[in-house]
Amino acid sequence: MSVDLRPGESQESILRRFRKAVAEARILPIVRQKRWFTSKSEIKRIKRQKAIRKSQRPLVSE
């Protein structure tokens, strides 16, 4: 990820634009996920647990 320097731009605004670009590209969740190795079976197990929890959640109606 990179941000081009605009003429007369302060460091704070460059940093703000960089952080916004990183957030829009959704890089941080991917980096956090890849920080540790997880096997395919572990990923399947986590997805299965998540689906079970989601199905047990009560429906919200207004």
C-alpha atoms as a PDB file:
ATOM      1  CA  MET A   1       0.000   0.000   0.000  1.00  0.00           C
ATOM      2  CA  SER A   2       1.383   3.391  -0.876  1.00  0.00           C
ATOM      3  CA  VAL A   3       0.204   6.989  -0.855  1.00  0.00           C
ATOM      4  CA  ASP A   4       1.658   9.654  -3.135  1.00  0.00           C
ATOM      5  CA  LEU A   5       2.877  12.877  -1.575  1.00  0.00           C
ATOM      6  CA  ARG A   6       0.882  15.919  -2.631  1.00  0.00           C
ATOM      7  CA  PRO A   7       2.623  19.303  -2.789  1.00  0.00           C
ATOM      8  CA  GLY A   8       2.360  21.198   0.495  1.00  0.00           C
ATOM      9  CA  GLU A   9       0.689  18.276   2.320  1.00  0.00           C
ATOM     10  CA  SER A  10       1.386  17.765   6.014  1.00  0.00           C
ATOM     11  CA  GLN A  11       2.550  14.481   7.504  1.00  0.00           C
ATOM     12  CA  GLU A  12      -0.694  14.139   9.465  1.00  0.00           C
ATOM     13  CA  SER A  13      -2.835  14.297   6.336  1.00  0.00           C
ATOM     14  CA  ILE A  14      -0.588  11.819   4.512  1.00  0.00           C
ATOM     15  CA  LEU A  15      -0.864   9.407   7.437  1.00  0.00           C
ATOM     16  CA  ARG A  16      -4.641   9.898   7.561  1.00  0.00           C
ATOM     17  CA  ARG A  17      -4.951   9.106   3.837  1.00  0.00           C
ATOM     18  CA  PHE A  18      -2.722   6.048   4.238  1.00  0.00           C
ATOM     19  CA  ARG A  19      -4.782   4.696   7.130  1.00  0.00           C
ATOM     20  CA  LYS A  20      -7.977   5.280   5.169  1.00  0.00           C
ATOM     21  CA  ALA A  21      -6.564   3.453   2.138  1.00  0.00           C
ATOM     22  CA  VAL A  22      -5.510   0.499   4.307  1.00  0.00           C
ATOM     23  CA  ALA A  23      -8.965   0.369   5.912  1.00  0.00           C
ATOM     24  CA  GLU A  24     -10.722   0.493   2.531  1.00  0.00           C
ATOM     25  CA  ALA A  25      -8.493  -2.261   1.132  1.00  0.00           C
ATOM     26  CA  ARG A  26      -9.302  -4.428   4.205  1.00  0.00           C
ATOM     27  CA  ILE A  27      -5.669  -5.371   4.664  1.00  0.00           C
ATOM     28  CA  LEU A  28      -5.541  -5.557   8.461  1.00  0.00           C
ATOM     29  CA  PRO A  29      -7.957  -8.491   8.900  1.00  0.00           C
ATOM     30  CA  ILE A  30      -5.976 -10.489   6.340  1.00  0.00           C
ATOM     31  CA  VAL A  31      -2.675  -9.684   8.052  1.00  0.00           C
ATOM     32  CA  ARG A  32      -4.079 -10.627  11.463  1.00  0.00           C
ATOM     33  CA  GLN A  33      -5.399 -13.878  10.019  1.00  0.00           C
ATOM     34  CA  LYS A  34      -2.083 -14.827   8.435  1.00  0.00           C
ATOM     35  CA  ARG A  35      -0.039 -14.016  11.523  1.00  0.00           C
ATOM     36  CA  TRP A  36      -0.309 -17.659  12.588  1.00  0.00           C
ATOM     37  CA  PHE A  37      -0.641 -20.796  10.522  1.00  0.00           C
ATOM     38  CA  THR A  38      -4.004 -22.531  10.744  1.00  0.00           C
ATOM     39  CA  SER A  39      -4.566 -25.875   9.109  1.00  0.00           C
ATOM     40  CA  LYS A  40      -7.445 -26.468   6.726  1.00  0.00           C
ATOM     41  CA  SER A  41      -9.145 -28.763   9.204  1.00  0.00           C
ATOM     42  CA  GLU A  42      -8.939 -26.050  11.869  1.00  0.00           C
ATOM     43  CA  ILE A  43     -10.466 -23.492   9.480  1.00  0.00           C
ATOM     44  CA  LYS A  44     -13.319 -25.908   8.689  1.00  0.00           C
ATOM     45  CA  ARG A  45     -13.906 -26.533  12.398  1.00  0.00           C
ATOM     46  CA  ILE A  46     -14.044 -22.803  13.157  1.00  0.00           C
ATOM     47  CA  LYS A  47     -16.439 -22.172  10.252  1.00  0.00           C
ATOM     48  CA  ARG A  48     -18.684 -25.014  11.427  1.00  0.00           C
ATOM     49  CA  GLN A  49     -18.773 -23.608  14.982  1.00  0.00           C
ATOM     50  CA  LYS A  50     -19.529 -20.144  13.658  1.00  0.00           C
ATOM     51  CA  ALA A  51     -22.415 -21.491  11.567  1.00  0.00           C
ATOM     52  CA  ILE A  52     -23.841 -23.320  14.589  1.00  0.00           C
ATOM     53  CA  ARG A  53     -23.686 -20.177  16.728  1.00  0.00           C
ATOM     54  CA  LYS A  54     -25.273 -18.130  13.932  1.00  0.00           C
ATOM     55  CA  SER A  55     -28.140 -20.598  13.506  1.00  0.00           C
ATOM     56  CA  GLN A  56     -28.824 -20.623  17.263  1.00  0.00           C
ATOM     57  CA  ARG A  57     -29.007 -16.831  17.434  1.00  0.00           C
ATOM     58  CA  PRO A  58     -32.589 -15.569  17.971  1.00  0.00           C
ATOM     59  CA  LEU A  59     -34.197 -13.698  15.102  1.00  0.00           C
ATOM     60  CA  VAL A  60     -34.545  -9.969  15.719  1.00  0.00           C
ATOM     61  CA  SER A  61     -37.837  -8.532  14.497  1.00  0.00           C
ATOM     62  CA  GLU A  62     -39.106  -5.019  14.937  1.00  0.00           C
END
